[in-house]
Each structure stands twice: as structure tokens, then as C-alpha cells.
Amino acid sequence: MTRLEKLFAIFDGFFQNVVDEHLDPERKQLSPQEDVIDALIGLKNDPYWSMDLRPEHIKPLIMLVHASQAHEFNSRCQTSLIAIGTSWLGVNHYY
């Protein structure tokens, strides 16, 4: 397994846990406002939304949002995360 594949697996597992926590009906909401994950899940459940938005689509979007806002990351790390996220979207777009 290459380093990129290992990194992909780590991020995939982490973001899957984040999505699963947000899908849990017993989840304690920390704030009355929705976060970006709640908004994406809301789109997933919206009957007027034309795209079939699944966790496989939500996870890379979360990664891209966080990578684009991560000021403490150096530019190489940020670029790598964005590359992984966009390739992840491309791979999962057709499934």
C-alpha cells in the first residue's frame, strides 16, 4: 500500500465517522446552528435536490472545505489534501 493510499484510508475512516455521527438521530447537537456537514446531509435528504448525494460524496467535500481553510497547514500539505479530495470526488462520482 502506497503512502497516498494509506493517507486516503486514514482520512476516509475519519470522515466516515464524522458523517456517521451526524447521521445518528441520538446525536447531541452542540449548537443550534447547522454546520457544513448538516447542510450537506440536508441536501442529501431534500427531494428537490437532483443529485444523489451519498456519504462517498460528502466526505471529500468536507475534506476540501477543511483543507482550504487550514491556515496552519503548510502549502504542500494543503495541496496534497486538495488533490486527494478532488481525486476522491472523481473516483466516487460515477458510483
N, C-alpha and C. Protein backbone atom coordinates (compact mmCIF):
# COMPACT_ATOMS: atom_id res chain seq x y z
N MET A 1 0.85 -1.18 0.00
CA MET A 1 0.00 0.00 0.00
C MET A 1 0.90 1.24 0.00
N THR A 2 0.64 2.14 -0.93
CA THR A 2 1.46 3.35 -1.02
C THR A 2 1.11 4.33 0.10
N ARG A 3 1.96 5.32 0.27
CA ARG A 3 1.69 6.34 1.30
C ARG A 3 0.40 7.09 1.01
N LEU A 4 0.15 7.35 -0.26
CA LEU A 4 -1.08 8.05 -0.64
C LEU A 4 -2.30 7.21 -0.31
N GLU A 5 -2.24 5.91 -0.56
CA GLU A 5 -3.35 5.02 -0.24
C GLU A 5 -3.57 4.93 1.27
N LYS A 6 -2.48 4.91 2.04
CA LYS A 6 -2.61 4.89 3.50
C LYS A 6 -3.25 6.17 4.00
N LEU A 7 -2.82 7.30 3.46
CA LEU A 7 -3.40 8.58 3.84
C LEU A 7 -4.88 8.63 3.47
N PHE A 8 -5.20 8.14 2.29
CA PHE A 8 -6.59 8.09 1.84
C PHE A 8 -7.43 7.26 2.82
N ALA A 9 -6.92 6.09 3.23
CA ALA A 9 -7.66 5.22 4.14
C ALA A 9 -7.86 5.88 5.50
N ILE A 10 -6.85 6.59 5.99
CA ILE A 10 -6.98 7.28 7.28
C ILE A 10 -8.05 8.36 7.20
N PHE A 11 -7.97 9.20 6.17
CA PHE A 11 -8.96 10.27 6.03
C PHE A 11 -10.36 9.71 5.76
N ASP A 12 -10.44 8.66 4.97
CA ASP A 12 -11.73 8.06 4.67
C ASP A 12 -12.40 7.56 5.96
N GLY A 13 -11.64 6.87 6.79
CA GLY A 13 -12.18 6.38 8.06
C GLY A 13 -12.60 7.51 8.98
N PHE A 14 -11.76 8.54 9.07
CA PHE A 14 -12.08 9.67 9.94
C PHE A 14 -13.35 10.37 9.49
N PHE A 15 -13.42 10.70 8.20
CA PHE A 15 -14.60 11.43 7.71
C PHE A 15 -15.84 10.55 7.68
N GLN A 16 -15.69 9.24 7.54
CA GLN A 16 -16.84 8.35 7.64
C GLN A 16 -17.41 8.40 9.05
N ASN A 17 -16.54 8.43 10.07
CA ASN A 17 -17.01 8.56 11.45
C ASN A 17 -17.73 9.88 11.67
N VAL A 18 -17.22 10.95 11.08
CA VAL A 18 -17.85 12.26 11.22
C VAL A 18 -19.25 12.24 10.60
N VAL A 19 -19.37 11.68 9.40
CA VAL A 19 -20.68 11.60 8.73
C VAL A 19 -21.62 10.71 9.53
N ASP A 20 -21.12 9.56 10.01
CA ASP A 20 -21.95 8.66 10.81
C ASP A 20 -22.47 9.34 12.07
N GLU A 21 -21.61 10.12 12.73
CA GLU A 21 -22.05 10.85 13.93
C GLU A 21 -23.16 11.84 13.59
N HIS A 22 -23.06 12.50 12.45
CA HIS A 22 -24.08 13.47 12.06
C HIS A 22 -25.38 12.79 11.63
N LEU A 23 -25.30 11.56 11.16
CA LEU A 23 -26.50 10.82 10.77
C LEU A 23 -27.20 10.17 11.96
N ASP A 24 -26.52 10.08 13.09
CA ASP A 24 -27.08 9.45 14.29
C ASP A 24 -28.22 10.30 14.84
N PRO A 25 -29.44 9.75 14.90
CA PRO A 25 -30.57 10.54 15.42
C PRO A 25 -30.45 10.86 16.91
N GLU A 26 -29.61 10.13 17.63
CA GLU A 26 -29.41 10.36 19.07
C GLU A 26 -28.30 11.38 19.35
N ARG A 27 -27.72 11.92 18.30
CA ARG A 27 -26.59 12.84 18.45
C ARG A 27 -27.01 14.10 19.20
N LYS A 28 -26.18 14.50 20.15
CA LYS A 28 -26.42 15.73 20.89
C LYS A 28 -25.86 16.89 20.07
N GLN A 29 -26.73 17.81 19.71
CA GLN A 29 -26.33 18.98 18.91
C GLN A 29 -25.62 19.97 19.82
N LEU A 30 -24.40 20.35 19.47
CA LEU A 30 -23.62 21.28 20.29
C LEU A 30 -24.04 22.73 20.07
N SER A 31 -24.62 23.00 18.92
CA SER A 31 -25.02 24.36 18.58
C SER A 31 -26.37 24.31 17.86
N PRO A 32 -27.20 25.33 18.05
CA PRO A 32 -28.47 25.33 17.33
C PRO A 32 -28.30 25.56 15.83
N GLN A 33 -27.13 26.04 15.42
CA GLN A 33 -26.87 26.28 14.01
C GLN A 33 -26.34 25.01 13.34
N GLU A 34 -26.70 24.84 12.08
CA GLU A 34 -26.17 23.71 11.31
C GLU A 34 -24.72 23.98 10.94
N ASP A 35 -23.94 22.91 10.86
CA ASP A 35 -22.61 23.05 10.30
C ASP A 35 -22.65 22.58 8.84
N VAL A 36 -21.52 22.60 8.18
CA VAL A 36 -21.48 22.27 6.75
C VAL A 36 -21.91 20.82 6.51
N ILE A 37 -21.61 19.94 7.45
CA ILE A 37 -21.98 18.53 7.29
C ILE A 37 -23.49 18.37 7.39
N ASP A 38 -24.11 19.06 8.35
CA ASP A 38 -25.57 19.03 8.46
C ASP A 38 -26.22 19.57 7.19
N ALA A 39 -25.64 20.62 6.63
CA ALA A 39 -26.19 21.21 5.40
C ALA A 39 -26.09 20.23 4.23
N LEU A 40 -24.97 19.54 4.11
CA LEU A 40 -24.81 18.56 3.03
C LEU A 40 -25.77 17.39 3.21
N ILE A 41 -25.94 16.94 4.45
CA ILE A 41 -26.88 15.86 4.71
C ILE A 41 -28.31 16.33 4.42
N GLY A 42 -28.58 17.60 4.72
CA GLY A 42 -29.89 18.16 4.39
C GLY A 42 -30.14 18.14 2.89
N LEU A 43 -29.11 18.44 2.09
CA LEU A 43 -29.25 18.36 0.64
C LEU A 43 -29.49 16.92 0.20
N LYS A 44 -28.82 15.99 0.86
CA LYS A 44 -28.99 14.57 0.55
C LYS A 44 -30.44 14.15 0.73
N ASN A 45 -31.09 14.69 1.76
CA ASN A 45 -32.47 14.31 2.07
C ASN A 45 -33.51 15.19 1.40
N ASP A 46 -33.09 16.20 0.66
CA ASP A 46 -34.02 17.13 0.01
C ASP A 46 -34.59 16.49 -1.27
N PRO A 47 -35.91 16.34 -1.36
CA PRO A 47 -36.49 15.70 -2.55
C PRO A 47 -36.33 16.54 -3.82
N TYR A 48 -36.07 17.82 -3.68
CA TYR A 48 -35.91 18.69 -4.84
C TYR A 48 -34.47 18.77 -5.34
N TRP A 49 -33.55 18.19 -4.60
CA TRP A 49 -32.15 18.17 -5.00
C TRP A 49 -31.98 17.07 -6.03
N SER A 50 -31.46 17.40 -7.19
CA SER A 50 -31.44 16.44 -8.31
C SER A 50 -30.31 15.41 -8.22
N MET A 51 -29.26 15.69 -7.46
CA MET A 51 -28.12 14.78 -7.38
C MET A 51 -28.30 13.82 -6.22
N ASP A 52 -27.94 12.57 -6.45
CA ASP A 52 -27.97 11.56 -5.39
C ASP A 52 -26.71 11.74 -4.54
N LEU A 53 -26.82 12.53 -3.49
CA LEU A 53 -25.67 12.86 -2.64
C LEU A 53 -25.52 11.79 -1.57
N ARG A 54 -24.41 11.05 -1.62
CA ARG A 54 -24.16 9.97 -0.67
C ARG A 54 -22.95 10.30 0.19
N PRO A 55 -22.72 9.54 1.27
CA PRO A 55 -21.54 9.79 2.09
C PRO A 55 -20.24 9.79 1.29
N GLU A 56 -20.19 9.01 0.21
CA GLU A 56 -18.99 8.97 -0.63
C GLU A 56 -18.74 10.32 -1.31
N HIS A 57 -19.79 11.14 -1.44
CA HIS A 57 -19.65 12.48 -2.00
C HIS A 57 -19.40 13.50 -0.89
N ILE A 58 -20.04 13.29 0.25
CA ILE A 58 -19.95 14.24 1.35
C ILE A 58 -18.54 14.26 1.95
N LYS A 59 -17.93 13.10 2.11
CA LYS A 59 -16.61 13.02 2.75
C LYS A 59 -15.55 13.85 2.03
N PRO A 60 -15.39 13.75 0.71
CA PRO A 60 -14.36 14.58 0.07
C PRO A 60 -14.70 16.06 0.10
N LEU A 61 -15.99 16.39 0.08
CA LEU A 61 -16.37 17.80 0.18
C LEU A 61 -15.96 18.37 1.53
N ILE A 62 -16.15 17.59 2.59
CA ILE A 62 -15.72 18.02 3.92
C ILE A 62 -14.21 18.21 3.93
N MET A 63 -13.48 17.26 3.34
CA MET A 63 -12.02 17.36 3.30
C MET A 63 -11.59 18.62 2.56
N LEU A 64 -12.23 18.91 1.44
CA LEU A 64 -11.86 20.10 0.67
C LEU A 64 -12.15 21.38 1.43
N VAL A 65 -13.27 21.43 2.13
CA VAL A 65 -13.60 22.62 2.92
C VAL A 65 -12.55 22.84 3.99
N HIS A 66 -12.21 21.77 4.72
CA HIS A 66 -11.23 21.92 5.79
C HIS A 66 -9.83 22.19 5.26
N ALA A 67 -9.47 21.57 4.16
CA ALA A 67 -8.13 21.81 3.60
C ALA A 67 -7.99 23.24 3.10
N SER A 68 -9.06 23.78 2.55
CA SER A 68 -8.98 25.15 2.03
C SER A 68 -8.94 26.18 3.15
N GLN A 69 -9.37 25.80 4.36
CA GLN A 69 -9.38 26.73 5.48
C GLN A 69 -8.28 26.47 6.49
N ALA A 70 -7.45 25.50 6.24
CA ALA A 70 -6.43 25.11 7.21
C ALA A 70 -5.20 25.99 7.07
N HIS A 71 -5.20 27.12 7.75
CA HIS A 71 -4.09 28.06 7.65
C HIS A 71 -2.82 27.54 8.33
N GLU A 72 -2.98 26.63 9.28
CA GLU A 72 -1.80 26.12 9.97
C GLU A 72 -1.06 25.07 9.15
N PHE A 73 -1.72 24.53 8.10
CA PHE A 73 -1.03 23.59 7.23
C PHE A 73 -0.08 24.34 6.32
N ASN A 74 1.04 23.71 6.02
CA ASN A 74 1.89 24.34 5.02
C ASN A 74 1.29 24.10 3.63
N SER A 75 1.76 24.80 2.65
CA SER A 75 1.13 24.74 1.32
C SER A 75 1.26 23.37 0.68
N ARG A 76 2.33 22.64 0.94
CA ARG A 76 2.48 21.29 0.36
C ARG A 76 1.42 20.36 0.89
N CYS A 77 1.19 20.40 2.20
CA CYS A 77 0.19 19.53 2.81
C CYS A 77 -1.20 19.91 2.31
N GLN A 78 -1.46 21.21 2.25
CA GLN A 78 -2.76 21.70 1.79
C GLN A 78 -3.00 21.25 0.34
N THR A 79 -2.00 21.38 -0.50
CA THR A 79 -2.12 20.97 -1.90
C THR A 79 -2.37 19.48 -2.00
N SER A 80 -1.69 18.68 -1.18
CA SER A 80 -1.89 17.23 -1.20
C SER A 80 -3.30 16.86 -0.80
N LEU A 81 -3.82 17.51 0.26
CA LEU A 81 -5.18 17.21 0.69
C LEU A 81 -6.20 17.59 -0.38
N ILE A 82 -6.00 18.71 -1.02
CA ILE A 82 -6.92 19.12 -2.08
C ILE A 82 -6.85 18.15 -3.26
N ALA A 83 -5.65 17.69 -3.60
CA ALA A 83 -5.51 16.72 -4.68
C ALA A 83 -6.20 15.40 -4.34
N ILE A 84 -6.03 14.95 -3.10
CA ILE A 84 -6.70 13.71 -2.67
C ILE A 84 -8.21 13.89 -2.72
N GLY A 85 -8.69 15.01 -2.22
CA GLY A 85 -10.13 15.25 -2.19
C GLY A 85 -10.74 15.32 -3.57
N THR A 86 -10.08 16.01 -4.49
CA THR A 86 -10.65 16.12 -5.83
C THR A 86 -10.58 14.79 -6.56
N SER A 87 -9.52 14.02 -6.36
CA SER A 87 -9.47 12.70 -7.00
C SER A 87 -10.50 11.77 -6.37
N TRP A 88 -10.74 11.91 -5.08
CA TRP A 88 -11.74 11.13 -4.37
C TRP A 88 -13.12 11.44 -4.95
N LEU A 89 -13.40 12.71 -5.20
CA LEU A 89 -14.67 13.09 -5.82
C LEU A 89 -14.78 12.47 -7.21
N GLY A 90 -13.71 12.51 -7.96
CA GLY A 90 -13.74 11.95 -9.31
C GLY A 90 -13.95 10.46 -9.32
N VAL A 91 -13.31 9.75 -8.41
CA VAL A 91 -13.46 8.30 -8.33
C VAL A 91 -14.87 7.92 -7.92
N ASN A 92 -15.42 8.62 -6.95
CA ASN A 92 -16.73 8.25 -6.40
C ASN A 92 -17.90 8.88 -7.14
N HIS A 93 -17.63 9.77 -8.07
CA HIS A 93 -18.72 10.46 -8.76
C HIS A 93 -19.59 9.50 -9.56
N TYR A 94 -19.00 8.46 -10.12
CA TYR A 94 -19.73 7.59 -11.02
C TYR A 94 -20.31 6.35 -10.34
N TYR A 95 -20.14 6.21 -9.05
CA TYR A 95 -20.62 5.01 -8.36
C TYR A 95 -21.83 5.30 -7.53
